Amino acid sequence: MSHAANVQRRNSSVKTYGIYDNAVAAYIDQFWREHFRSPTVRDIARGCNISSTAVARNVIERVAQRRGDTILHDGKARGIIPRWVIHAIRKYDVETQHLTKPINPKGIQP
């Protein structure tokens, strides 16, 4: 295969990934609104009709970088937190002053 054909092939695959960006961003936001948690890579791939989780992972990373979302690695299945979720949590904490209160997982008052 010629160099020009390789470049064209690479450029066409990048454009193909680009068509998924808006769909992935919308899917992540909608999933968070409905389920109050992050979708898995497989959820996103299925929801956006992406046949490969590797492609979905690339698109997720690109979308997260562009939007300023947080991606949790370390093998987390549900590892993308949209920036608007983080801002909402911080706003809630500041408004209700829960930021300085320790979290008590069992709900027992000290």
Protein backbone atom coordinates (compact mmCIF):
# COMPACT_ATOMS: atom_id res chain seq x y z
CA MET A 1 0.00 0.00 0.00
CA SER A 2 1.37 3.43 -0.92
CA HIS A 3 2.14 6.14 1.60
CA ALA A 4 -0.72 8.30 0.27
CA ALA A 5 -3.16 5.40 0.68
CA ASN A 6 -1.98 4.85 4.28
CA VAL A 7 -2.44 8.53 5.11
CA GLN A 8 -5.89 8.57 3.52
CA ARG A 9 -6.86 5.40 5.40
CA ARG A 10 -5.70 6.86 8.74
CA ASN A 11 -7.48 10.14 8.08
CA SER A 12 -10.71 8.39 7.13
CA SER A 13 -10.67 6.34 10.35
CA VAL A 14 -10.18 9.50 12.40
CA LYS A 15 -13.18 11.06 10.66
CA THR A 16 -15.19 7.90 11.35
CA TYR A 17 -14.42 8.16 15.06
CA GLY A 18 -15.38 11.84 14.95
CA ILE A 19 -18.96 11.05 14.02
CA TYR A 20 -19.42 9.32 17.38
CA ASP A 21 -18.19 12.21 19.55
CA ASN A 22 -21.51 14.04 19.97
CA ALA A 23 -23.46 10.80 20.38
CA VAL A 24 -21.07 9.57 23.09
CA ALA A 25 -21.16 12.90 24.95
CA ALA A 26 -24.97 12.95 24.85
CA TYR A 27 -25.19 9.30 25.91
CA ILE A 28 -22.91 9.83 28.92
CA ASP A 29 -24.89 12.88 30.06
CA GLN A 30 -28.26 11.15 29.61
CA PHE A 31 -27.06 8.02 31.41
CA TRP A 32 -25.88 10.13 34.38
CA ARG A 33 -29.23 11.93 34.53
CA GLU A 34 -31.20 8.68 34.47
CA HIS A 35 -29.03 6.40 36.63
CA PHE A 36 -26.90 8.76 38.79
CA ARG A 37 -23.78 6.81 37.86
CA SER A 38 -21.36 6.43 35.01
CA PRO A 39 -22.04 4.09 32.09
CA THR A 40 -19.57 1.34 31.30
CA VAL A 41 -17.60 1.33 28.06
CA ARG A 42 -19.87 -1.49 26.84
CA ASP A 43 -22.99 0.55 27.73
CA ILE A 44 -21.65 3.46 25.69
CA ALA A 45 -20.65 1.22 22.77
CA ARG A 46 -24.11 -0.40 22.67
CA GLY A 47 -25.97 2.87 23.17
CA CYS A 48 -24.08 4.61 20.36
CA ASN A 49 -23.95 1.64 17.96
CA ILE A 50 -20.17 1.36 18.15
CA SER A 51 -19.14 -2.19 17.33
CA SER A 52 -15.80 -2.13 19.14
CA THR A 53 -15.08 -1.29 22.78
CA ALA A 54 -11.60 -0.18 21.70
CA VAL A 55 -13.13 2.45 19.40
CA ALA A 56 -15.57 3.43 22.16
CA ARG A 57 -12.69 3.84 24.61
CA ASN A 58 -10.84 6.12 22.18
CA VAL A 59 -13.93 8.23 21.61
CA ILE A 60 -14.63 8.45 25.36
CA GLU A 61 -11.10 9.65 26.05
CA ARG A 62 -11.28 12.24 23.27
CA VAL A 63 -14.71 13.49 24.41
CA ALA A 64 -13.60 13.63 28.04
CA GLN A 65 -10.49 15.58 27.17
CA ARG A 66 -12.43 18.03 25.02
CA ARG A 67 -15.14 18.60 27.66
CA GLY A 68 -12.91 18.52 30.72
CA ASP A 69 -14.54 15.38 32.14
CA THR A 70 -12.75 13.18 34.64
CA ILE A 71 -11.81 9.62 33.71
CA LEU A 72 -11.05 7.22 36.54
CA HIS A 73 -8.60 4.54 35.51
CA ASP A 74 -7.28 1.72 37.71
CA GLY A 75 -9.62 -0.81 36.13
CA LYS A 76 -12.84 1.02 36.99
CA ALA A 77 -15.70 -0.22 34.83
CA ARG A 78 -17.70 2.95 35.38
CA GLY A 79 -15.05 5.55 35.11
CA ILE A 80 -16.21 8.77 33.47
CA ILE A 81 -17.55 11.68 35.46
CA PRO A 82 -18.80 14.62 33.41
CA ARG A 83 -17.57 18.04 34.45
CA TRP A 84 -21.14 19.21 35.08
CA VAL A 85 -21.60 16.41 37.68
CA ILE A 86 -18.46 17.47 39.53
CA HIS A 87 -19.61 21.11 39.48
CA ALA A 88 -23.06 20.12 40.76
CA ILE A 89 -21.53 18.14 43.63
CA ARG A 90 -19.20 21.00 44.56
CA LYS A 91 -22.06 23.51 44.38
CA TYR A 92 -24.23 21.31 46.60
CA ASP A 93 -21.41 20.88 49.10
CA VAL A 94 -20.73 24.61 49.27
CA GLU A 95 -24.41 25.60 49.48
CA THR A 96 -25.29 23.07 52.17
CA GLN A 97 -21.92 23.25 53.92
CA HIS A 98 -21.50 19.49 53.75
CA LEU A 99 -17.98 19.94 52.48
CA THR A 100 -16.55 20.13 56.00
CA LYS A 101 -18.69 17.39 57.56
CA PRO A 102 -17.16 13.91 57.71
CA ILE A 103 -18.96 11.16 55.82
CA ASN A 104 -20.51 8.56 58.08
CA PRO A 105 -21.20 5.51 55.88
CA LYS A 106 -23.56 3.80 58.32
CA GLY A 107 -25.65 6.92 58.92
CA ILE A 108 -25.03 6.78 62.67
CA GLN A 109 -24.87 10.17 64.32
CA PRO A 110 -21.71 10.70 66.44
